[in-house]
Protein backbone atom coordinates (compact mmCIF):
# COMPACT_ATOMS: atom_id res chain seq x y z
CA MET A 1 -11.75 93.30 202.04
CA GLU A 2 -15.20 92.60 200.69
CA LEU A 3 -18.39 94.18 201.99
CA ASN A 4 -19.57 90.71 203.03
CA ASP A 5 -16.58 90.40 205.42
CA ILE A 6 -17.62 93.35 207.58
CA GLY A 7 -18.93 91.99 210.87
CA ASN A 8 -18.84 88.45 209.45
CA THR A 9 -22.59 88.54 208.82
CA GLU A 10 -24.20 87.42 205.63
CA LEU A 11 -25.59 89.66 202.92
CA ILE A 12 -29.16 89.06 201.83
CA GLU A 13 -30.35 90.23 198.42
CA LEU A 14 -33.70 92.01 198.69
CA THR A 15 -35.08 91.00 195.31
CA SER A 16 -38.57 92.32 196.00
CA LEU A 17 -37.17 95.84 196.50
CA SER A 18 -34.95 96.03 193.41
CA ILE A 19 -35.72 98.84 190.97
CA ASN A 20 -34.53 99.22 187.37
CA ASN A 21 -32.39 96.05 187.50
CA ASN A 22 -30.37 97.37 190.47
CA SER A 23 -29.57 94.97 193.28
CA LEU A 24 -30.25 95.88 196.89
CA PHE A 25 -28.49 94.01 199.69
CA SER A 26 -28.86 94.10 203.45
CA LYS A 27 -26.68 92.79 206.26
CA CYS A 28 -28.33 90.14 208.41
CA GLU A 29 -27.69 91.67 211.87
CA LEU A 30 -29.61 89.03 213.79
CA ASN A 31 -26.64 86.72 213.18
CA ASN A 32 -24.19 89.08 214.93
CA PRO A 33 -22.80 87.57 218.14
CA THR A 34 -23.97 90.64 220.08
CA GLY A 35 -27.33 90.97 218.33
CA SER A 36 -28.49 93.90 216.26
CA HIS A 37 -27.63 97.54 216.98
CA LYS A 38 -31.14 97.95 218.42
CA ASP A 39 -30.54 95.14 220.91
CA ARG A 40 -27.32 96.77 222.11
CA THR A 41 -28.99 100.20 222.39
CA PHE A 42 -31.90 98.91 224.46
CA LEU A 43 -29.56 96.89 226.69
CA TYR A 44 -27.54 100.07 227.34
CA ILE A 45 -30.71 102.03 228.19
CA ILE A 46 -31.99 99.34 230.55
CA ASN A 47 -28.67 98.98 232.37
């Protein structure tokens, strides 16, 4: 299993935040079918 397969969301390289030739990646949560973790948290609080 690759890191990119977790949650089936894409990885985005954050080139503007790289330091000392290290790569920094982030998962694109807005493409999750249920939204980001913040969306699910707020929905739980509201309901």
